[in-house]
Amino acid sequence: MPPNGTPPDWSRMAVAVPGAPDRLPGVRMAGFEAHGAGPVDIAMVPHPSVTVLLDLSNEGGLVYDVRGRRQHGSVVVGLAPGDLRTGGRAGACLQIRLDPAVAAAILGAPAALSGAVVPLDDVWGHDAGRTVDRLRVAASWDERFGIAVEILARRLRARPAVDAEVAHSWRRTLAGRGRLRVEDLADEVGWSRKRLWSRFGAQLGITPKRAARLVRFDRAAHLLAAGHAGADVAARCGYVDQSHLHRDARAFAGLTPAAVAVAPWLAIDPVAWPATQVS
């Protein structure tokens, strides 16, 4: 990898998004294609979604590093992987962000993916290679988005959804910006705290408490990127103080709040980093 912090040249990076008719509920996609860009090293700030990254490069390709463990090519990034960096030579890549409840149906093994970056082959088997090959030879990004929607929709139909109570608790965690207590969520769905904790973790691969921390940090990251001071962000997001925000930034991104504010990955916001938690 090149020296830490080498961002891509965004002037040479084309970004495409699908039209509204192509979108599936709980799914956001974006395509990236570099034109003459050199090697990059990007700190990837976590997002409250499970992310599928399909490497469509013909040569070189991308390398993902999580605390010294590296993966190449097309991968699935589970919720809250921690200090994640993407390096290598930028080419073409399709990013698919999945709501965790949708990811549980499409990927089928959310608990095993939590905090991890794993090869797509390990999740989809031979379908992974066939999918990448179809996407690589497609004539346009619109065609690629159509192929992705077809594959995702088929997998959604073939697998059972998560419990309605779990899906509701996740949606409420997002809407409450990570500040709702687990006890209150359990009361809303008529479950005990223990049952919610168990079912939520088994189906989404993350505990309700850590999910709340991730959602809160996501809002903080966007506020930092929008230029708000650390003290203001900490207060608005419900942190005890700035040092509390600093600890979460280190835990989730391996960065200081100041580094999160200028992270290169945020440079493509709002196209592939939808700011749903900023206000």
Protein backbone atom coordinates (compact mmCIF):
# COMPACT_ATOMS: atom_id res chain seq x y z
CA MET A 1 0.00 0.00 0.00
CA PRO A 2 1.13 3.61 -0.46
CA PRO A 3 1.79 5.83 2.58
CA ASN A 4 -1.20 6.24 4.88
CA GLY A 5 -3.62 8.95 3.91
CA THR A 6 -3.05 8.99 0.13
CA PRO A 7 -6.54 9.84 -1.18
CA PRO A 8 -7.77 9.10 -4.66
CA ASP A 9 -7.78 11.94 -7.15
CA TRP A 10 -11.54 12.58 -7.11
CA SER A 11 -11.30 14.62 -10.31
CA ARG A 12 -10.43 11.32 -12.04
CA MET A 13 -13.08 9.29 -10.24
CA ALA A 14 -16.46 8.97 -11.97
CA VAL A 15 -19.35 8.16 -9.62
CA ALA A 16 -22.65 6.69 -10.85
CA VAL A 17 -25.88 5.95 -8.98
CA PRO A 18 -28.99 4.08 -10.18
CA GLY A 19 -32.22 5.80 -11.04
CA ALA A 20 -35.11 5.56 -8.58
CA PRO A 21 -36.94 2.78 -10.49
CA ASP A 22 -33.92 0.49 -10.07
CA ARG A 23 -33.68 0.81 -6.33
CA LEU A 24 -34.74 -1.81 -3.80
CA PRO A 25 -35.89 -0.95 -0.25
CA GLY A 26 -32.97 -1.08 2.13
CA VAL A 27 -30.41 -1.09 -0.70
CA ARG A 28 -28.17 1.75 -1.89
CA MET A 29 -25.72 1.37 -4.73
CA ALA A 30 -22.99 3.43 -6.30
CA GLY A 31 -20.44 2.72 -9.00
CA PHE A 32 -16.90 4.08 -8.98
CA GLU A 33 -14.55 4.14 -11.94
CA ALA A 34 -11.07 5.64 -11.86
CA HIS A 35 -9.54 7.11 -14.97
CA GLY A 36 -5.77 7.12 -14.75
CA ALA A 37 -5.73 7.32 -10.94
CA GLY A 38 -2.69 5.92 -9.12
CA PRO A 39 -2.51 3.82 -5.96
CA VAL A 40 -4.69 4.95 -3.05
CA ASP A 41 -4.93 4.42 0.69
CA ILE A 42 -8.37 5.35 2.03
CA ALA A 43 -9.56 5.27 5.63
CA MET A 44 -13.11 3.93 5.36
CA VAL A 45 -15.30 5.48 8.04
CA PRO A 46 -17.90 2.94 9.24
CA HIS A 47 -21.53 3.22 8.19
CA PRO A 48 -24.60 1.56 9.78
CA SER A 49 -24.98 -0.91 6.95
CA VAL A 50 -23.47 -4.12 5.64
CA THR A 51 -21.45 -3.30 2.54
CA VAL A 52 -20.74 -5.45 -0.49
CA LEU A 53 -17.81 -4.19 -2.56
CA LEU A 54 -17.54 -5.79 -6.00
CA ASP A 55 -14.10 -5.23 -7.50
CA LEU A 56 -14.54 -4.96 -11.28
CA SER A 57 -10.93 -4.05 -12.02
CA ASN A 58 -9.23 -5.99 -14.81
CA GLU A 59 -5.83 -5.82 -13.16
CA GLY A 60 -4.32 -4.68 -9.89
CA GLY A 61 -7.44 -4.40 -7.81
CA LEU A 62 -8.24 -3.36 -4.29
CA VAL A 63 -6.86 -4.55 -0.97
CA TYR A 64 -8.77 -4.21 2.32
CA ASP A 65 -6.83 -4.08 5.59
CA VAL A 66 -8.50 -4.50 8.99
CA ARG A 67 -5.94 -4.29 11.78
CA GLY A 68 -3.29 -6.02 9.70
CA ARG A 69 -5.57 -8.67 8.16
CA ARG A 70 -5.85 -8.24 4.40
CA GLN A 71 -8.44 -9.30 1.85
CA HIS A 72 -8.31 -8.83 -1.92
CA GLY A 73 -10.93 -8.43 -4.59
CA SER A 74 -14.67 -8.50 -3.91
CA VAL A 75 -15.62 -8.52 -0.23
CA VAL A 76 -18.43 -8.16 2.28
CA VAL A 77 -17.84 -5.65 5.07
CA GLY A 78 -19.85 -6.48 8.17
CA LEU A 79 -21.19 -3.94 10.65
CA ALA A 80 -18.53 -1.97 12.56
CA PRO A 81 -15.31 -3.61 11.29
CA GLY A 82 -13.13 -1.07 13.10
CA ASP A 83 -9.91 0.30 11.61
CA LEU A 84 -10.55 -0.44 7.92
CA ARG A 85 -8.42 0.88 5.08
CA THR A 86 -8.73 0.34 1.35
CA GLY A 87 -5.59 0.41 -0.76
CA GLY A 88 -4.22 -0.76 -4.06
CA ARG A 89 -4.89 0.59 -7.51
CA ALA A 90 -8.32 2.08 -8.02
CA GLY A 91 -10.29 0.77 -10.99
CA ALA A 92 -13.99 0.02 -11.26
CA CYS A 93 -15.96 -0.96 -8.17
CA LEU A 94 -19.66 -1.44 -7.38
CA GLN A 95 -20.57 -0.59 -3.80
CA ILE A 96 -23.81 -2.02 -2.39
CA ARG A 97 -24.90 -0.87 1.05
CA LEU A 98 -27.51 -3.05 2.71
CA ASP A 99 -29.79 -2.29 5.61
CA PRO A 100 -28.82 -4.96 8.19
CA ALA A 101 -32.30 -6.51 8.12
CA VAL A 102 -32.09 -6.78 4.32
CA ALA A 103 -28.51 -8.06 4.54
CA ALA A 104 -29.65 -10.90 6.78
CA ALA A 105 -31.87 -12.14 3.93
CA ILE A 106 -29.46 -11.46 1.05
CA LEU A 107 -26.28 -12.73 2.70
CA GLY A 108 -27.70 -15.22 5.18
CA ALA A 109 -24.91 -15.07 7.78
CA PRO A 110 -24.87 -11.66 9.50
CA ALA A 111 -23.51 -12.90 12.82
CA ALA A 112 -20.44 -14.38 11.14
CA LEU A 113 -19.83 -11.07 9.32
CA SER A 114 -19.99 -8.77 12.33
CA GLY A 115 -16.84 -6.69 12.63
CA ALA A 116 -15.22 -8.56 9.74
CA VAL A 117 -14.23 -8.19 6.11
CA VAL A 118 -14.64 -11.49 4.27
CA PRO A 119 -14.28 -12.54 0.62
CA LEU A 120 -17.56 -12.53 -1.26
CA ASP A 121 -16.73 -16.09 -2.36
CA ASP A 122 -17.05 -17.20 1.28
CA VAL A 123 -20.60 -15.83 1.42
CA TRP A 124 -21.99 -16.50 -2.07
CA GLY A 125 -19.79 -19.37 -3.24
CA HIS A 126 -19.63 -19.82 -7.02
CA ASP A 127 -22.33 -17.18 -7.47
CA ALA A 128 -19.80 -14.53 -6.45
CA GLY A 129 -17.51 -15.15 -9.41
CA ARG A 130 -20.41 -15.41 -11.84
CA THR A 131 -21.86 -12.15 -10.55
CA VAL A 132 -18.56 -10.28 -10.86
CA ASP A 133 -18.02 -11.64 -14.38
CA ARG A 134 -21.48 -10.46 -15.47
CA LEU A 135 -20.92 -7.03 -13.99
CA ARG A 136 -17.44 -6.67 -15.44
CA VAL A 137 -18.55 -7.20 -19.06
CA ALA A 138 -21.71 -5.05 -18.79
CA ALA A 139 -21.76 -2.15 -21.24
CA SER A 140 -22.82 0.58 -18.80
CA TRP A 141 -23.40 1.35 -15.13
CA ASP A 142 -27.14 1.28 -15.76
CA GLU A 143 -26.78 -2.29 -16.98
CA ARG A 144 -24.66 -3.17 -13.96
CA PHE A 145 -27.21 -1.71 -11.57
CA GLY A 146 -29.94 -3.71 -13.32
CA ILE A 147 -27.95 -6.94 -12.95
CA ALA A 148 -27.32 -6.22 -9.27
CA VAL A 149 -31.01 -5.51 -8.62
CA GLU A 150 -31.99 -8.76 -10.35
CA ILE A 151 -29.59 -10.80 -8.21
CA LEU A 152 -30.44 -9.07 -4.93
CA ALA A 153 -34.20 -9.31 -5.55
CA ARG A 154 -33.92 -13.03 -6.26
CA ARG A 155 -32.03 -13.60 -3.01
CA LEU A 156 -34.52 -11.52 -1.06
CA ARG A 157 -37.39 -13.67 -2.32
CA ALA A 158 -35.56 -16.91 -1.53
CA ARG A 159 -34.77 -16.24 2.15
CA PRO A 160 -36.92 -15.45 5.18
CA ALA A 161 -36.89 -11.96 6.63
CA VAL A 162 -35.73 -11.21 10.15
CA ASP A 163 -38.26 -11.04 12.98
CA ALA A 164 -40.57 -8.04 12.69
CA GLU A 165 -39.56 -7.09 16.24
CA VAL A 166 -35.87 -7.05 15.29
CA ALA A 167 -36.50 -5.00 12.14
CA HIS A 168 -38.60 -2.53 14.16
CA SER A 169 -35.88 -2.20 16.80
CA TRP A 170 -33.27 -1.46 14.13
CA ARG A 171 -35.47 1.19 12.50
CA ARG A 172 -36.13 2.79 15.89
CA THR A 173 -32.40 2.79 16.64
CA LEU A 174 -31.81 4.71 13.41
CA ALA A 175 -34.70 7.11 13.99
CA GLY A 176 -33.57 7.72 17.58
CA ARG A 177 -30.00 8.39 16.42
CA GLY A 178 -28.69 5.71 18.71
CA ARG A 179 -30.02 7.29 21.90
CA LEU A 180 -32.87 4.90 22.78
CA ARG A 181 -32.35 2.48 25.65
CA VAL A 182 -32.51 -1.25 24.98
CA GLU A 183 -35.13 -1.58 27.72
CA ASP A 184 -37.38 0.90 25.92
CA LEU A 185 -36.98 -0.93 22.61
CA ALA A 186 -37.85 -4.22 24.29
CA ASP A 187 -40.97 -2.67 25.81
CA GLU A 188 -42.05 -1.35 22.40
CA VAL A 189 -41.96 -4.82 20.81
CA GLY A 190 -43.27 -6.68 23.85
CA TRP A 191 -40.12 -8.70 24.46
CA SER A 192 -37.85 -9.02 27.45
CA ARG A 193 -34.52 -7.23 27.26
CA LYS A 194 -32.76 -10.61 27.20
CA ARG A 195 -34.84 -11.89 24.28
CA LEU A 196 -34.34 -8.74 22.24
CA TRP A 197 -30.61 -8.82 22.92
CA SER A 198 -30.41 -12.47 21.83
CA ARG A 199 -32.58 -12.27 18.70
CA PHE A 200 -31.14 -8.93 17.56
CA GLY A 201 -27.59 -10.24 17.85
CA ALA A 202 -28.35 -13.58 16.19
CA GLN A 203 -30.13 -12.01 13.21
CA LEU A 204 -28.20 -8.77 12.64
CA GLY A 205 -24.79 -9.80 13.94
CA ILE A 206 -24.48 -6.93 16.42
CA THR A 207 -25.87 -6.24 19.89
CA PRO A 208 -28.52 -3.53 20.30
CA LYS A 209 -26.09 -1.48 22.40
CA ARG A 210 -23.29 -1.61 19.84
CA ALA A 211 -25.78 -0.86 17.07
CA ALA A 212 -26.80 2.27 18.95
CA ARG A 213 -23.14 3.30 19.33
CA LEU A 214 -22.57 2.79 15.59
CA VAL A 215 -25.61 4.87 14.62
CA ARG A 216 -24.59 7.63 17.03
CA PHE A 217 -21.05 7.63 15.65
CA ASP A 218 -22.36 7.78 12.07
CA ARG A 219 -24.22 10.98 12.88
CA ALA A 220 -21.14 12.36 14.63
CA ALA A 221 -18.96 11.57 11.60
CA HIS A 222 -21.27 13.48 9.29
CA LEU A 223 -21.42 16.47 11.63
CA LEU A 224 -17.63 16.50 11.89
CA ALA A 225 -17.37 16.34 8.08
CA ALA A 226 -19.83 19.23 7.84
CA GLY A 227 -17.41 21.38 9.84
CA HIS A 228 -18.90 21.27 13.34
CA ALA A 229 -16.49 21.51 16.25
CA GLY A 230 -15.79 18.40 18.29
CA ALA A 231 -17.33 19.79 21.47
CA ASP A 232 -20.53 20.70 19.63
CA VAL A 233 -20.71 17.29 17.96
CA ALA A 234 -20.20 15.49 21.26
CA ALA A 235 -23.02 17.46 22.88
CA ARG A 236 -25.44 17.08 19.97
CA CYS A 237 -24.88 13.34 19.65
CA GLY A 238 -25.21 12.49 23.33
CA TYR A 239 -21.59 11.83 24.22
CA VAL A 240 -20.51 12.53 27.80
CA ASP A 241 -17.69 14.77 26.57
CA GLN A 242 -15.14 15.15 23.77
CA SER A 243 -12.96 12.36 25.13
CA HIS A 244 -15.95 10.00 24.86
CA LEU A 245 -16.36 10.98 21.19
CA HIS A 246 -12.61 10.53 20.71
CA ARG A 247 -12.77 6.98 22.09
CA ASP A 248 -15.62 6.03 19.75
CA ALA A 249 -13.82 7.55 16.76
CA ARG A 250 -10.79 5.43 17.60
CA ALA A 251 -12.90 2.32 18.20
CA PHE A 252 -14.99 2.56 15.03
CA ALA A 253 -12.62 4.19 12.54
CA GLY A 254 -9.12 4.01 14.02
CA LEU A 255 -8.99 7.80 13.62
CA THR A 256 -9.23 10.92 15.73
CA PRO A 257 -12.36 13.07 15.32
CA ALA A 258 -10.24 15.61 13.41
CA ALA A 259 -9.13 12.89 10.97
CA VAL A 260 -12.70 11.66 10.57
CA ALA A 261 -13.71 15.20 9.58
CA VAL A 262 -11.40 15.14 6.54
CA ALA A 263 -11.47 11.43 5.73
CA PRO A 264 -11.17 11.02 1.94
CA TRP A 265 -14.10 8.57 1.81
CA LEU A 266 -16.40 11.37 2.94
CA ALA A 267 -15.41 13.37 -0.14
CA ILE A 268 -18.02 11.54 -2.23
CA ASP A 269 -20.89 12.43 0.10
CA PRO A 270 -23.85 12.50 -0.50
CA VAL A 271 -23.78 10.26 -3.58
CA ALA A 272 -22.51 7.01 -2.07
CA TRP A 273 -22.46 8.10 1.56
CA PRO A 274 -26.07 9.18 2.07
CA ALA A 275 -26.31 11.64 4.93
CA THR A 276 -29.43 10.35 6.65
CA GLN A 277 -28.38 11.26 10.20
CA VAL A 278 -26.91 14.77 9.94
CA SER A 279 -29.65 17.17 11.03
